[in-house]
């Protein structure tokens, strides 16, 4: 994934599990922690991703990610919209966001 890229629903097509309440997004970005790439040109999540994930994972309550923020600094408005949709109770059940997780260890979540 490139610098400042926005992650949208297309990366999650074909996924879905009605029982999933926690989704972990591992981009490999935590390996970059402390670098300019991690802090100045991070990836972000699109505003369209929130309603898509709410539809595909109706029980989803939390997303953990190795992104410094949902907001990509070069596309701040998109990030603000995404934060609002994920967290705003007026737009359905809020999805809590656990940002800046260290997910670079051997991955036991995919076993």
N, C-alpha and C. Protein backbone atom coordinates (compact mmCIF):
# COMPACT_ATOMS: atom_id res chain seq x y z
N UNK A 1 0.84 -1.18 0.00
CA UNK A 1 0.00 0.00 0.00
C UNK A 1 0.89 1.24 0.00
N UNK A 2 0.46 2.24 -0.73
CA UNK A 2 1.26 3.44 -0.87
C UNK A 2 1.02 4.46 0.23
N UNK A 3 1.86 5.46 0.26
CA UNK A 3 1.71 6.54 1.23
C UNK A 3 0.37 7.23 1.05
N UNK A 4 -0.26 7.58 2.15
CA UNK A 4 -1.51 8.34 2.17
C UNK A 4 -2.69 7.61 1.54
N UNK A 5 -2.57 6.36 1.23
CA UNK A 5 -3.66 5.62 0.59
C UNK A 5 -4.84 5.50 1.55
N UNK A 6 -6.03 5.57 0.98
CA UNK A 6 -7.26 5.42 1.75
C UNK A 6 -7.78 4.00 1.52
N UNK A 7 -8.03 3.30 2.60
CA UNK A 7 -8.51 1.92 2.55
C UNK A 7 -10.03 1.95 2.48
N UNK A 8 -10.57 1.35 1.42
CA UNK A 8 -12.01 1.34 1.22
C UNK A 8 -12.60 -0.05 1.23
N UNK A 9 -13.89 -0.16 0.97
CA UNK A 9 -14.59 -1.44 1.02
C UNK A 9 -14.04 -2.49 0.06
N UNK A 10 -13.44 -2.06 -1.05
CA UNK A 10 -12.97 -3.02 -2.05
C UNK A 10 -11.95 -4.01 -1.48
N UNK A 11 -11.21 -3.63 -0.47
CA UNK A 11 -10.23 -4.54 0.14
C UNK A 11 -10.88 -5.59 1.04
N UNK A 12 -12.16 -5.43 1.32
CA UNK A 12 -12.86 -6.35 2.20
C UNK A 12 -13.95 -7.14 1.48
N UNK A 13 -14.02 -7.04 0.16
CA UNK A 13 -15.05 -7.76 -0.58
C UNK A 13 -14.84 -9.26 -0.40
N UNK A 14 -15.93 -9.97 -0.29
CA UNK A 14 -15.86 -11.41 -0.10
C UNK A 14 -15.77 -11.83 1.35
N UNK A 15 -15.62 -10.88 2.25
CA UNK A 15 -15.56 -11.20 3.68
C UNK A 15 -16.93 -11.01 4.29
N UNK A 16 -17.14 -11.64 5.40
CA UNK A 16 -18.37 -11.44 6.14
C UNK A 16 -18.59 -12.60 7.09
N UNK A 17 -18.98 -12.26 8.28
CA UNK A 17 -19.27 -13.26 9.29
C UNK A 17 -20.25 -12.60 10.24
N UNK A 18 -21.45 -13.12 10.28
CA UNK A 18 -22.50 -12.49 11.07
C UNK A 18 -22.17 -12.41 12.56
N UNK A 19 -21.26 -13.27 13.04
CA UNK A 19 -20.95 -13.30 14.47
C UNK A 19 -19.76 -12.41 14.85
N UNK A 20 -19.04 -11.87 13.89
CA UNK A 20 -17.83 -11.09 14.18
C UNK A 20 -18.17 -9.80 14.93
N UNK A 21 -17.54 -9.61 16.09
CA UNK A 21 -17.73 -8.36 16.82
C UNK A 21 -16.43 -7.56 16.95
N UNK A 22 -15.30 -8.18 16.58
CA UNK A 22 -14.00 -7.51 16.61
C UNK A 22 -13.28 -7.79 15.29
N UNK A 23 -12.85 -6.74 14.62
CA UNK A 23 -12.12 -6.86 13.37
C UNK A 23 -10.74 -6.25 13.56
N UNK A 24 -9.71 -7.00 13.21
CA UNK A 24 -8.33 -6.50 13.29
C UNK A 24 -7.86 -6.21 11.87
N UNK A 25 -7.37 -5.00 11.64
CA UNK A 25 -6.84 -4.61 10.34
C UNK A 25 -5.33 -4.48 10.47
N UNK A 26 -4.63 -5.42 9.85
CA UNK A 26 -3.17 -5.43 9.91
C UNK A 26 -2.63 -5.04 8.54
N UNK A 27 -2.06 -3.86 8.46
CA UNK A 27 -1.53 -3.35 7.19
C UNK A 27 -0.02 -3.52 7.08
N UNK A 28 0.62 -3.85 8.19
CA UNK A 28 2.08 -3.88 8.22
C UNK A 28 2.66 -2.53 8.55
N UNK A 29 1.80 -1.55 8.76
CA UNK A 29 2.24 -0.19 9.03
C UNK A 29 2.94 -0.04 10.37
N UNK A 30 2.64 -0.92 11.33
CA UNK A 30 3.26 -0.77 12.65
C UNK A 30 4.77 -1.00 12.59
N UNK A 31 5.22 -1.70 11.56
CA UNK A 31 6.67 -1.89 11.36
C UNK A 31 7.34 -0.54 11.12
N UNK A 32 6.59 0.41 10.54
CA UNK A 32 7.11 1.73 10.21
C UNK A 32 7.06 2.70 11.39
N UNK A 33 6.58 2.25 12.55
CA UNK A 33 6.41 3.12 13.71
C UNK A 33 7.64 3.98 13.99
N UNK A 34 7.40 5.27 14.25
CA UNK A 34 8.48 6.19 14.55
C UNK A 34 9.14 6.80 13.33
N UNK A 35 8.72 6.42 12.14
CA UNK A 35 9.30 6.97 10.91
C UNK A 35 8.38 8.05 10.34
N UNK A 36 8.90 8.84 9.42
CA UNK A 36 8.07 9.84 8.74
C UNK A 36 6.93 9.18 7.99
N UNK A 37 7.17 8.02 7.39
CA UNK A 37 6.10 7.35 6.65
C UNK A 37 4.94 7.03 7.57
N UNK A 38 5.23 6.59 8.77
CA UNK A 38 4.18 6.22 9.72
C UNK A 38 3.43 7.44 10.24
N UNK A 39 4.15 8.53 10.52
CA UNK A 39 3.52 9.69 11.14
C UNK A 39 3.07 10.78 10.17
N UNK A 40 3.74 10.93 9.04
CA UNK A 40 3.43 12.03 8.12
C UNK A 40 2.63 11.61 6.89
N UNK A 41 2.77 10.38 6.44
CA UNK A 41 2.06 9.92 5.24
C UNK A 41 1.35 8.59 5.49
N UNK A 42 0.59 8.50 6.59
CA UNK A 42 -0.03 7.22 6.93
C UNK A 42 -1.22 6.88 6.03
N UNK A 43 -1.56 5.62 6.05
CA UNK A 43 -2.79 5.16 5.42
C UNK A 43 -3.96 5.67 6.24
N UNK A 44 -5.16 5.62 5.67
CA UNK A 44 -6.37 6.00 6.40
C UNK A 44 -7.53 5.12 5.95
N UNK A 45 -8.67 5.27 6.61
CA UNK A 45 -9.87 4.52 6.25
C UNK A 45 -10.87 5.46 5.59
N UNK A 46 -11.58 4.96 4.60
CA UNK A 46 -12.55 5.78 3.88
C UNK A 46 -13.86 5.88 4.65
N UNK A 47 -14.61 6.94 4.38
CA UNK A 47 -15.92 7.12 4.98
C UNK A 47 -16.89 6.03 4.51
N UNK A 48 -16.69 5.50 3.31
CA UNK A 48 -17.56 4.46 2.78
C UNK A 48 -17.33 3.11 3.47
N UNK A 49 -16.19 2.96 4.13
CA UNK A 49 -15.88 1.68 4.77
C UNK A 49 -16.78 1.42 5.97
N UNK A 50 -17.12 2.44 6.73
CA UNK A 50 -17.93 2.24 7.94
C UNK A 50 -19.29 1.62 7.64
N UNK A 51 -20.12 2.20 6.76
CA UNK A 51 -21.42 1.57 6.50
C UNK A 51 -21.27 0.19 5.85
N UNK A 52 -20.23 0.01 5.04
CA UNK A 52 -19.99 -1.30 4.42
C UNK A 52 -19.73 -2.35 5.50
N UNK A 53 -18.83 -2.03 6.44
CA UNK A 53 -18.51 -3.00 7.50
C UNK A 53 -19.71 -3.24 8.41
N UNK A 54 -20.51 -2.21 8.66
CA UNK A 54 -21.71 -2.39 9.47
C UNK A 54 -22.69 -3.33 8.79
N UNK A 55 -22.75 -3.30 7.46
CA UNK A 55 -23.63 -4.17 6.71
C UNK A 55 -23.09 -5.60 6.69
N UNK A 56 -21.80 -5.76 6.42
CA UNK A 56 -21.19 -7.09 6.28
C UNK A 56 -21.01 -7.78 7.63
N UNK A 57 -20.72 -7.00 8.66
CA UNK A 57 -20.51 -7.53 10.02
C UNK A 57 -21.50 -6.84 10.97
N UNK A 58 -22.78 -7.24 10.98
CA UNK A 58 -23.79 -6.52 11.75
C UNK A 58 -23.54 -6.49 13.26
N UNK A 59 -22.75 -7.39 13.79
CA UNK A 59 -22.46 -7.41 15.23
C UNK A 59 -21.14 -6.71 15.57
N UNK A 60 -20.50 -6.12 14.58
CA UNK A 60 -19.19 -5.49 14.77
C UNK A 60 -19.29 -4.33 15.77
N UNK A 61 -18.42 -4.35 16.79
CA UNK A 61 -18.42 -3.32 17.81
C UNK A 61 -17.07 -2.64 17.96
N UNK A 62 -16.00 -3.25 17.43
CA UNK A 62 -14.66 -2.68 17.62
C UNK A 62 -13.76 -3.06 16.45
N UNK A 63 -12.94 -2.11 16.03
CA UNK A 63 -11.92 -2.36 15.01
C UNK A 63 -10.58 -1.99 15.61
N UNK A 64 -9.65 -2.94 15.58
CA UNK A 64 -8.28 -2.68 15.99
C UNK A 64 -7.43 -2.56 14.74
N UNK A 65 -6.48 -1.64 14.73
CA UNK A 65 -5.69 -1.43 13.51
C UNK A 65 -4.29 -0.95 13.85
N UNK A 66 -3.36 -1.23 12.95
CA UNK A 66 -1.99 -0.76 13.13
C UNK A 66 -1.75 0.56 12.41
N UNK A 67 -2.80 1.31 12.19
CA UNK A 67 -2.71 2.66 11.61
C UNK A 67 -2.65 3.66 12.75
N UNK A 68 -1.88 4.71 12.58
CA UNK A 68 -1.78 5.72 13.63
C UNK A 68 -3.14 6.37 13.89
N UNK A 69 -3.99 6.41 12.86
CA UNK A 69 -5.32 6.99 12.98
C UNK A 69 -6.16 6.54 11.79
N UNK A 70 -7.47 6.63 11.93
CA UNK A 70 -8.36 6.44 10.79
C UNK A 70 -8.09 7.52 9.76
N UNK A 71 -7.67 8.68 10.24
CA UNK A 71 -7.43 9.85 9.41
C UNK A 71 -6.05 9.80 8.77
N UNK A 72 -6.01 9.91 7.45
CA UNK A 72 -4.75 10.09 6.74
C UNK A 72 -4.52 11.59 6.64
N UNK A 73 -3.39 12.07 7.10
CA UNK A 73 -3.17 13.51 7.20
C UNK A 73 -3.30 14.25 5.88
N UNK A 74 -3.03 13.58 4.78
CA UNK A 74 -3.16 14.26 3.49
C UNK A 74 -4.61 14.32 3.02
N UNK A 75 -5.49 13.55 3.67
CA UNK A 75 -6.91 13.52 3.30
C UNK A 75 -7.74 13.64 4.58
N UNK A 76 -7.53 14.73 5.28
CA UNK A 76 -8.13 14.92 6.60
C UNK A 76 -9.66 14.90 6.58
N UNK A 77 -10.26 15.53 5.59
CA UNK A 77 -11.72 15.60 5.55
C UNK A 77 -12.33 14.20 5.44
N UNK A 78 -11.73 13.35 4.62
CA UNK A 78 -12.19 11.96 4.50
C UNK A 78 -12.08 11.25 5.84
N UNK A 79 -10.99 11.46 6.55
CA UNK A 79 -10.80 10.84 7.86
C UNK A 79 -11.79 11.32 8.89
N UNK A 80 -12.10 12.61 8.86
CA UNK A 80 -13.09 13.16 9.80
C UNK A 80 -14.46 12.54 9.55
N UNK A 81 -14.82 12.41 8.27
CA UNK A 81 -16.10 11.77 7.93
C UNK A 81 -16.12 10.33 8.42
N UNK A 82 -15.03 9.61 8.19
CA UNK A 82 -14.95 8.21 8.62
C UNK A 82 -15.09 8.10 10.14
N UNK A 83 -14.35 8.93 10.89
CA UNK A 83 -14.47 8.92 12.35
C UNK A 83 -15.92 9.14 12.76
N UNK A 84 -16.58 10.12 12.16
CA UNK A 84 -17.95 10.44 12.52
C UNK A 84 -18.89 9.26 12.25
N UNK A 85 -18.74 8.62 11.12
CA UNK A 85 -19.63 7.51 10.78
C UNK A 85 -19.37 6.31 11.69
N UNK A 86 -18.11 5.99 11.96
CA UNK A 86 -17.80 4.87 12.84
C UNK A 86 -18.33 5.11 14.26
N UNK A 87 -18.19 6.32 14.78
CA UNK A 87 -18.44 6.58 16.20
C UNK A 87 -19.79 7.22 16.51
N UNK A 88 -20.48 7.77 15.53
CA UNK A 88 -21.71 8.51 15.77
C UNK A 88 -22.89 7.57 16.02
N UNK A 89 -23.47 7.61 17.23
CA UNK A 89 -24.60 6.72 17.53
C UNK A 89 -25.84 7.04 16.71
N UNK A 90 -25.94 8.25 16.15
CA UNK A 90 -27.08 8.59 15.29
C UNK A 90 -27.03 7.85 13.96
N UNK A 91 -25.89 7.29 13.62
CA UNK A 91 -25.74 6.55 12.37
C UNK A 91 -25.70 5.05 12.63
N UNK A 92 -26.38 4.60 13.68
CA UNK A 92 -26.39 3.19 14.05
C UNK A 92 -25.47 2.95 15.23
N UNK A 93 -25.35 1.70 15.61
CA UNK A 93 -24.49 1.34 16.74
C UNK A 93 -23.06 1.77 16.47
N UNK A 94 -22.43 2.52 17.38
CA UNK A 94 -21.05 2.97 17.14
C UNK A 94 -20.08 1.79 17.09
N UNK A 95 -19.04 1.95 16.30
CA UNK A 95 -17.94 0.98 16.25
C UNK A 95 -16.73 1.67 16.87
N UNK A 96 -16.24 1.12 17.96
CA UNK A 96 -15.09 1.69 18.64
C UNK A 96 -13.83 1.45 17.81
N UNK A 97 -12.92 2.40 17.84
CA UNK A 97 -11.70 2.33 17.05
C UNK A 97 -10.49 2.26 17.97
N UNK A 98 -9.72 1.20 17.86
CA UNK A 98 -8.48 1.06 18.61
C UNK A 98 -7.35 1.26 17.62
N UNK A 99 -6.82 2.47 17.59
CA UNK A 99 -5.81 2.85 16.61
C UNK A 99 -4.40 2.66 17.17
N UNK A 100 -3.44 2.63 16.27
CA UNK A 100 -2.02 2.62 16.62
C UNK A 100 -1.61 1.37 17.40
N UNK A 101 -2.20 0.23 17.03
CA UNK A 101 -1.84 -1.03 17.69
C UNK A 101 -0.56 -1.59 17.09
N UNK A 102 0.21 -2.27 17.89
CA UNK A 102 1.43 -2.92 17.42
C UNK A 102 1.03 -4.33 16.98
N UNK A 103 0.95 -4.54 15.69
CA UNK A 103 0.52 -5.82 15.13
C UNK A 103 1.59 -6.45 14.27
N UNK A 104 2.86 -6.19 14.57
CA UNK A 104 3.93 -6.71 13.72
C UNK A 104 4.51 -8.03 14.22
N UNK A 105 3.96 -8.59 15.28
CA UNK A 105 4.44 -9.87 15.78
C UNK A 105 3.90 -10.99 14.90
N UNK A 106 4.40 -12.21 15.08
CA UNK A 106 3.84 -13.35 14.36
C UNK A 106 2.34 -13.34 14.57
N UNK A 107 1.63 -13.52 13.51
CA UNK A 107 0.20 -13.33 13.51
C UNK A 107 -0.53 -14.60 13.93
N UNK A 108 -1.04 -14.63 15.15
CA UNK A 108 -1.82 -15.77 15.60
C UNK A 108 -3.31 -15.54 15.39
N UNK A 109 -3.70 -14.37 14.90
CA UNK A 109 -5.11 -14.10 14.66
C UNK A 109 -5.63 -14.82 13.42
N UNK A 110 -4.77 -15.14 12.49
CA UNK A 110 -5.20 -15.76 11.24
C UNK A 110 -5.13 -17.28 11.26
N UNK A 111 -4.92 -17.86 12.40
CA UNK A 111 -4.81 -19.32 12.49
C UNK A 111 -6.15 -19.94 12.74
